[in-house]
């Protein structure tokens, strides 16, 4: 049987994954893995997928871990191709994964990175670090100036005034240059409609 593309990529990269299992997932237990006695681990099993499409796309064995999250009082089922780490570590990895997703959601909402100018790991990291640095510098300026202007509005004003030689405190505190309705710097709009 031809191995799936995703399986080949994971094997080549020597990567592992941790994901939540869907409720209707069809599978068969190959063996039970002795639980290490960690709090929250309900079961640890080696399984194979038996659904028509799932078995074809990933024919290798997987690890199925049932875990009870006491903090949220719910049971979660994880699938992974990692048979080396303890089940409790797999649960922690999934929790960390969620924190990473929340971080990227925050980046998309607050840093306004519209396009990446490079796709290499170094280029992406550099662009994210620059965006975070700009955001933090503006947050520091907002605190020092003790202004009630939102960070988003400040970033808009600064981005449209980047080539003007106006001190930042003057730019942000000059009430004549602000539109009361939308907080935009009126003197820098490209078209006067």
C-alpha atoms as a PDB file:
ATOM      1  CA  UNK A   1       0.000   0.000   0.000  1.00  0.00           C
ATOM      2  CA  UNK A   2       1.284   3.463  -0.923  1.00  0.00           C
ATOM      3  CA  UNK A   3       2.152   5.544   2.118  1.00  0.00           C
ATOM      4  CA  UNK A   4       0.367   8.861   2.430  1.00  0.00           C
ATOM      5  CA  UNK A   5       2.179  12.100   1.691  1.00  0.00           C
ATOM      6  CA  UNK A   6       1.693  13.398   5.243  1.00  0.00           C
ATOM      7  CA  UNK A   7       3.122  10.186   6.689  1.00  0.00           C
ATOM      8  CA  UNK A   8       6.206  10.429   4.473  1.00  0.00           C
ATOM      9  CA  UNK A   9       6.723  14.086   5.413  1.00  0.00           C
ATOM     10  CA  UNK A  10       6.432  13.314   9.136  1.00  0.00           C
ATOM     11  CA  UNK A  11       8.862  10.409   8.831  1.00  0.00           C
ATOM     12  CA  UNK A  12      11.392  12.454   6.864  1.00  0.00           C
ATOM     13  CA  UNK A  13      11.236  15.278   9.370  1.00  0.00           C
ATOM     14  CA  UNK A  14      11.263  12.847  12.309  1.00  0.00           C
ATOM     15  CA  UNK A  15       8.365  14.920  13.589  1.00  0.00           C
ATOM     16  CA  UNK A  16       5.528  13.955  15.839  1.00  0.00           C
ATOM     17  CA  UNK A  17       2.066  15.387  16.252  1.00  0.00           C
ATOM     18  CA  UNK A  18      -0.514  15.670  19.001  1.00  0.00           C
ATOM     19  CA  UNK A  19      -4.135  16.295  18.091  1.00  0.00           C
ATOM     20  CA  UNK A  20      -7.598  15.836  19.555  1.00  0.00           C
ATOM     21  CA  UNK A  21      -9.521  12.791  18.376  1.00  0.00           C
ATOM     22  CA  UNK A  22     -12.947  13.307  16.840  1.00  0.00           C
ATOM     23  CA  UNK A  23     -15.852  11.646  18.618  1.00  0.00           C
ATOM     24  CA  UNK A  24     -16.819   9.509  15.613  1.00  0.00           C
ATOM     25  CA  UNK A  25     -13.286   8.319  14.901  1.00  0.00           C
ATOM     26  CA  UNK A  26     -13.207   4.596  14.109  1.00  0.00           C
ATOM     27  CA  UNK A  27     -10.271   2.683  15.567  1.00  0.00           C
ATOM     28  CA  UNK A  28      -9.168  -0.686  16.950  1.00  0.00           C
ATOM     29  CA  UNK A  29      -6.993  -1.231  20.021  1.00  0.00           C
ATOM     30  CA  UNK A  30      -3.758  -3.105  19.346  1.00  0.00           C
ATOM     31  CA  UNK A  31      -2.532  -3.073  22.932  1.00  0.00           C
ATOM     32  CA  UNK A  32      -2.823  -1.140  26.166  1.00  0.00           C
ATOM     33  CA  UNK A  33       0.195   0.768  27.360  1.00  0.00           C
ATOM     34  CA  UNK A  34       0.730   0.666  31.133  1.00  0.00           C
ATOM     35  CA  UNK A  35      -0.147   4.067  32.577  1.00  0.00           C
ATOM     36  CA  UNK A  36       2.656   5.730  34.490  1.00  0.00           C
ATOM     37  CA  UNK A  37       0.290   6.629  37.320  1.00  0.00           C
ATOM     38  CA  UNK A  38       0.151  10.320  36.449  1.00  0.00           C
ATOM     39  CA  UNK A  39      -2.877  12.258  37.602  1.00  0.00           C
ATOM     40  CA  UNK A  40      -5.483  12.648  34.903  1.00  0.00           C
ATOM     41  CA  UNK A  41      -4.370   9.829  32.570  1.00  0.00           C
ATOM     42  CA  UNK A  42      -7.372   7.497  32.194  1.00  0.00           C
ATOM     43  CA  UNK A  43      -6.019   5.219  29.461  1.00  0.00           C
ATOM     44  CA  UNK A  44      -3.066   4.874  27.110  1.00  0.00           C
ATOM     45  CA  UNK A  45      -3.427   2.625  24.055  1.00  0.00           C
ATOM     46  CA  UNK A  46      -1.727   1.741  20.793  1.00  0.00           C
ATOM     47  CA  UNK A  47      -4.386   1.764  18.074  1.00  0.00           C
ATOM     48  CA  UNK A  48      -4.896   1.601  14.318  1.00  0.00           C
ATOM     49  CA  UNK A  49      -7.504   3.584  12.453  1.00  0.00           C
ATOM     50  CA  UNK A  50     -10.280   1.485  10.880  1.00  0.00           C
ATOM     51  CA  UNK A  51     -12.339   4.058   8.996  1.00  0.00           C
ATOM     52  CA  UNK A  52     -12.160   3.690   5.207  1.00  0.00           C
ATOM     53  CA  UNK A  53     -10.491   7.041   4.510  1.00  0.00           C
ATOM     54  CA  UNK A  54      -8.559   7.377   7.775  1.00  0.00           C
ATOM     55  CA  UNK A  55      -7.005   3.904   7.575  1.00  0.00           C
ATOM     56  CA  UNK A  56      -5.907   4.611   4.018  1.00  0.00           C
ATOM     57  CA  UNK A  57      -4.445   8.045   4.772  1.00  0.00           C
ATOM     58  CA  UNK A  58      -2.651   6.943   7.960  1.00  0.00           C
ATOM     59  CA  UNK A  59      -2.162   3.145   8.143  1.00  0.00           C
ATOM     60  CA  UNK A  60       0.525   3.240  10.862  1.00  0.00           C
ATOM     61  CA  UNK A  61      -0.245   2.699  14.521  1.00  0.00           C
ATOM     62  CA  UNK A  62      -1.133   5.654  16.696  1.00  0.00           C
ATOM     63  CA  UNK A  63      -1.264   6.276  20.379  1.00  0.00           C
ATOM     64  CA  UNK A  64      -4.654   7.143  21.918  1.00  0.00           C
ATOM     65  CA  UNK A  65      -4.592   8.830  25.328  1.00  0.00           C
ATOM     66  CA  UNK A  66      -7.706   9.566  27.381  1.00  0.00           C
ATOM     67  CA  UNK A  67      -7.010  12.361  29.834  1.00  0.00           C
ATOM     68  CA  UNK A  68      -9.228  14.034  32.434  1.00  0.00           C
ATOM     69  CA  UNK A  69      -8.595  17.765  32.814  1.00  0.00           C
ATOM     70  CA  UNK A  70      -9.519  18.439  36.435  1.00  0.00           C
ATOM     71  CA  UNK A  71      -9.296  22.213  35.956  1.00  0.00           C
ATOM     72  CA  UNK A  72     -12.095  22.234  33.375  1.00  0.00           C
ATOM     73  CA  UNK A  73     -13.729  18.974  34.534  1.00  0.00           C
ATOM     74  CA  UNK A  74     -13.757  17.349  31.094  1.00  0.00           C
ATOM     75  CA  UNK A  75     -12.233  14.322  29.437  1.00  0.00           C
ATOM     76  CA  UNK A  76     -10.062  14.790  26.348  1.00  0.00           C
ATOM     77  CA  UNK A  77      -8.824  12.166  23.896  1.00  0.00           C
ATOM     78  CA  UNK A  78      -5.491  12.768  22.177  1.00  0.00           C
ATOM     79  CA  UNK A  79      -3.915  11.020  19.192  1.00  0.00           C
ATOM     80  CA  UNK A  80      -0.176  11.059  18.632  1.00  0.00           C
ATOM     81  CA  UNK A  81       2.537   9.194  16.784  1.00  0.00           C
ATOM     82  CA  UNK A  82       4.890   9.719  19.763  1.00  0.00           C
ATOM     83  CA  UNK A  83       5.309   6.490  21.729  1.00  0.00           C
ATOM     84  CA  UNK A  84       8.342   7.689  23.722  1.00  0.00           C
ATOM     85  CA  UNK A  85       7.025  10.471  25.953  1.00  0.00           C
ATOM     86  CA  UNK A  86       4.820   9.735  28.983  1.00  0.00           C
ATOM     87  CA  UNK A  87       1.065  10.221  28.498  1.00  0.00           C
ATOM     88  CA  UNK A  88       1.031  13.154  30.932  1.00  0.00           C
ATOM     89  CA  UNK A  89       3.713  14.894  28.830  1.00  0.00           C
ATOM     90  CA  UNK A  90       1.560  14.442  25.706  1.00  0.00           C
ATOM     91  CA  UNK A  91      -1.344  16.142  27.527  1.00  0.00           C
ATOM     92  CA  UNK A  92       0.949  19.024  28.551  1.00  0.00           C
ATOM     93  CA  UNK A  93       2.179  19.356  24.949  1.00  0.00           C
ATOM     94  CA  UNK A  94      -1.386  19.731  23.739  1.00  0.00           C
ATOM     95  CA  UNK A  95      -1.985  22.409  26.360  1.00  0.00           C
ATOM     96  CA  UNK A  96       1.169  24.236  25.192  1.00  0.00           C
ATOM     97  CA  UNK A  97      -0.047  23.942  21.601  1.00  0.00           C
ATOM     98  CA  UNK A  98      -3.206  25.782  22.617  1.00  0.00           C
ATOM     99  CA  UNK A  99      -1.115  28.572  24.188  1.00  0.00           C
ATOM    100  CA  UNK A 100       0.812  28.896  20.922  1.00  0.00           C
ATOM    101  CA  UNK A 101      -2.464  29.170  18.975  1.00  0.00           C
ATOM    102  CA  UNK A 102      -3.665  31.897  21.349  1.00  0.00           C
ATOM    103  CA  UNK A 103      -0.347  33.722  20.890  1.00  0.00           C
ATOM    104  CA  UNK A 104      -0.701  33.657  17.090  1.00  0.00           C
ATOM    105  CA  UNK A 105      -4.319  34.817  17.383  1.00  0.00           C
ATOM    106  CA  UNK A 106      -3.054  37.747  19.486  1.00  0.00           C
ATOM    107  CA  UNK A 107      -0.390  38.469  16.856  1.00  0.00           C
ATOM    108  CA  UNK A 108      -2.998  38.546  14.073  1.00  0.00           C
ATOM    109  CA  UNK A 109      -5.300  40.827  16.080  1.00  0.00           C
ATOM    110  CA  UNK A 110      -2.723  43.242  17.470  1.00  0.00           C
ATOM    111  CA  UNK A 111       0.395  43.322  15.330  1.00  0.00           C
ATOM    112  CA  UNK A 112      -1.301  43.734  11.960  1.00  0.00           C
ATOM    113  CA  UNK A 113       1.251  41.808   9.938  1.00  0.00           C
ATOM    114  CA  UNK A 114      -0.452  42.055   6.567  1.00  0.00           C
ATOM    115  CA  UNK A 115       2.120  40.190   4.489  1.00  0.00           C
ATOM    116  CA  UNK A 116       5.315  38.298   5.115  1.00  0.00           C
ATOM    117  CA  UNK A 117       8.203  39.605   3.026  1.00  0.00           C
ATOM    118  CA  UNK A 118      10.103  36.344   3.338  1.00  0.00           C
ATOM    119  CA  UNK A 119       9.085  32.778   4.064  1.00  0.00           C
ATOM    120  CA  UNK A 120      12.239  31.316   5.555  1.00  0.00           C
ATOM    121  CA  UNK A 121      12.207  30.598   9.278  1.00  0.00           C
ATOM    122  CA  UNK A 122      14.628  33.463   9.908  1.00  0.00           C
ATOM    123  CA  UNK A 123      12.590  35.942   7.840  1.00  0.00           C
ATOM    124  CA  UNK A 124       9.335  35.092   9.616  1.00  0.00           C
ATOM    125  CA  UNK A 125      10.954  35.271  13.065  1.00  0.00           C
ATOM    126  CA  UNK A 126      12.583  38.614  12.235  1.00  0.00           C
ATOM    127  CA  UNK A 127       9.309  40.134  11.027  1.00  0.00           C
ATOM    128  CA  UNK A 128       7.430  38.916  14.105  1.00  0.00           C
ATOM    129  CA  UNK A 129      10.143  40.237  16.447  1.00  0.00           C
ATOM    130  CA  UNK A 130      10.092  43.620  14.710  1.00  0.00           C
ATOM    131  CA  UNK A 131       6.293  43.810  14.978  1.00  0.00           C
ATOM    132  CA  UNK A 132       6.376  42.845  18.672  1.00  0.00           C
ATOM    133  CA  UNK A 133       9.127  45.404  19.329  1.00  0.00           C
ATOM    134  CA  UNK A 134       7.141  48.190  17.635  1.00  0.00           C
ATOM    135  CA  UNK A 135       4.023  47.210  19.582  1.00  0.00           C
ATOM    136  CA  UNK A 136       5.915  47.260  22.899  1.00  0.00           C
ATOM    137  CA  UNK A 137       7.609  50.592  22.131  1.00  0.00           C
ATOM    138  CA  UNK A 138       4.227  52.163  21.361  1.00  0.00           C
ATOM    139  CA  UNK A 139       2.780  50.654  24.574  1.00  0.00           C
ATOM    140  CA  UNK A 140       5.672  52.180  26.551  1.00  0.00           C
ATOM    141  CA  UNK A 141       5.121  55.553  24.841  1.00  0.00           C
ATOM    142  CA  UNK A 142       1.389  55.365  25.630  1.00  0.00           C
ATOM    143  CA  UNK A 143       2.146  54.745  29.311  1.00  0.00           C
ATOM    144  CA  UNK A 144       4.778  57.508  29.517  1.00  0.00           C
ATOM    145  CA  UNK A 145       2.540  60.030  27.746  1.00  0.00           C
ATOM    146  CA  UNK A 146      -0.402  58.970  29.929  1.00  0.00           C
ATOM    147  CA  UNK A 147      -2.764  59.240  26.994  1.00  0.00           C
ATOM    148  CA  UNK A 148      -6.135  57.575  26.621  1.00  0.00           C
ATOM    149  CA  UNK A 149      -5.653  57.023  22.883  1.00  0.00           C
ATOM    150  CA  UNK A 150      -5.899  53.331  21.987  1.00  0.00           C
ATOM    151  CA  UNK A 151      -2.747  51.491  20.918  1.00  0.00           C
ATOM    152  CA  UNK A 152      -4.391  50.745  17.574  1.00  0.00           C
ATOM    153  CA  UNK A 153      -5.054  54.448  16.947  1.00  0.00           C
ATOM    154  CA  UNK A 154      -1.522  55.340  18.035  1.00  0.00           C
ATOM    155  CA  UNK A 155      -0.066  52.806  15.610  1.00  0.00           C
ATOM    156  CA  UNK A 156      -2.214  54.255  12.808  1.00  0.00           C
ATOM    157  CA  UNK A 157      -1.073  57.810  13.528  1.00  0.00           C
ATOM    158  CA  UNK A 158       2.573  56.790  13.752  1.00  0.00           C
ATOM    159  CA  UNK A 159       2.411  54.763  10.536  1.00  0.00           C
ATOM    160  CA  UNK A 160       0.907  57.681   8.614  1.00  0.00           C
ATOM    161  CA  UNK A 161       3.320  60.189  10.186  1.00  0.00           C
ATOM    162  CA  UNK A 162       6.506  58.183   9.918  1.00  0.00           C
ATOM    163  CA  UNK A 163       8.245  60.712   7.636  1.00  0.00           C
ATOM    164  CA  UNK A 164       7.210  63.843   9.566  1.00  0.00           C
ATOM    165  CA  UNK A 165       9.650  65.496  11.957  1.00  0.00           C
ATOM    166  CA  UNK A 166       7.138  65.964  14.762  1.00  0.00           C
ATOM    167  CA  UNK A 167       7.891  64.819  18.318  1.00  0.00           C
ATOM    168  CA  UNK A 168       5.750  61.859  19.306  1.00  0.00           C
ATOM    169  CA  UNK A 169       4.194  63.569  22.321  1.00  0.00           C
ATOM    170  CA  UNK A 170       3.189  66.533  20.150  1.00  0.00           C
ATOM    171  CA  UNK A 171       1.836  64.271  17.423  1.00  0.00           C
ATOM    172  CA  UNK A 172      -0.333  62.342  19.868  1.00  0.00           C
ATOM    173  CA  UNK A 173      -1.429  65.187  22.140  1.00  0.00           C
ATOM    174  CA  UNK A 174      -2.251  67.829  19.507  1.00  0.00           C
ATOM    175  CA  UNK A 175      -6.058  67.736  19.615  1.00  0.00           C
ATOM    176  CA  UNK A 176      -6.376  69.845  16.441  1.00  0.00           C
ATOM    177  CA  UNK A 177      -4.932  67.066  14.330  1.00  0.00           C
ATOM    178  CA  UNK A 178      -7.376  64.437  15.636  1.00  0.00           C
ATOM    179  CA  UNK A 179     -10.842  63.662  14.363  1.00  0.00           C
ATOM    180  CA  UNK A 180     -13.029  63.080  17.418  1.00  0.00           C
ATOM    181  CA  UNK A 181     -15.106  60.398  15.680  1.00  0.00           C
ATOM    182  CA  UNK A 182     -12.498  57.939  14.471  1.00  0.00           C
ATOM    183  CA  UNK A 183      -9.250  59.073  16.090  1.00  0.00           C
ATOM    184  CA  UNK A 184      -7.388  59.347  12.793  1.00  0.00           C
ATOM    185  CA  UNK A 185      -4.784  61.956  12.054  1.00  0.00           C
ATOM    186  CA  UNK A 186      -6.697  64.208   9.615  1.00  0.00           C
ATOM    187  CA  UNK A 187      -3.773  66.118   8.220  1.00  0.00           C
ATOM    188  CA  UNK A 188      -2.231  62.959   6.800  1.00  0.00           C
ATOM    189  CA  UNK A 189      -5.138  61.418   4.935  1.00  0.00           C
ATOM    190  CA  UNK A 190      -4.095  60.870   1.308  1.00  0.00           C
ATOM    191  CA  UNK A 191      -7.300  62.269  -0.201  1.00  0.00           C
ATOM    192  CA  UNK A 192      -9.365  65.134   1.129  1.00  0.00           C
ATOM    193  CA  UNK A 193     -12.931  64.058   0.352  1.00  0.00           C
END
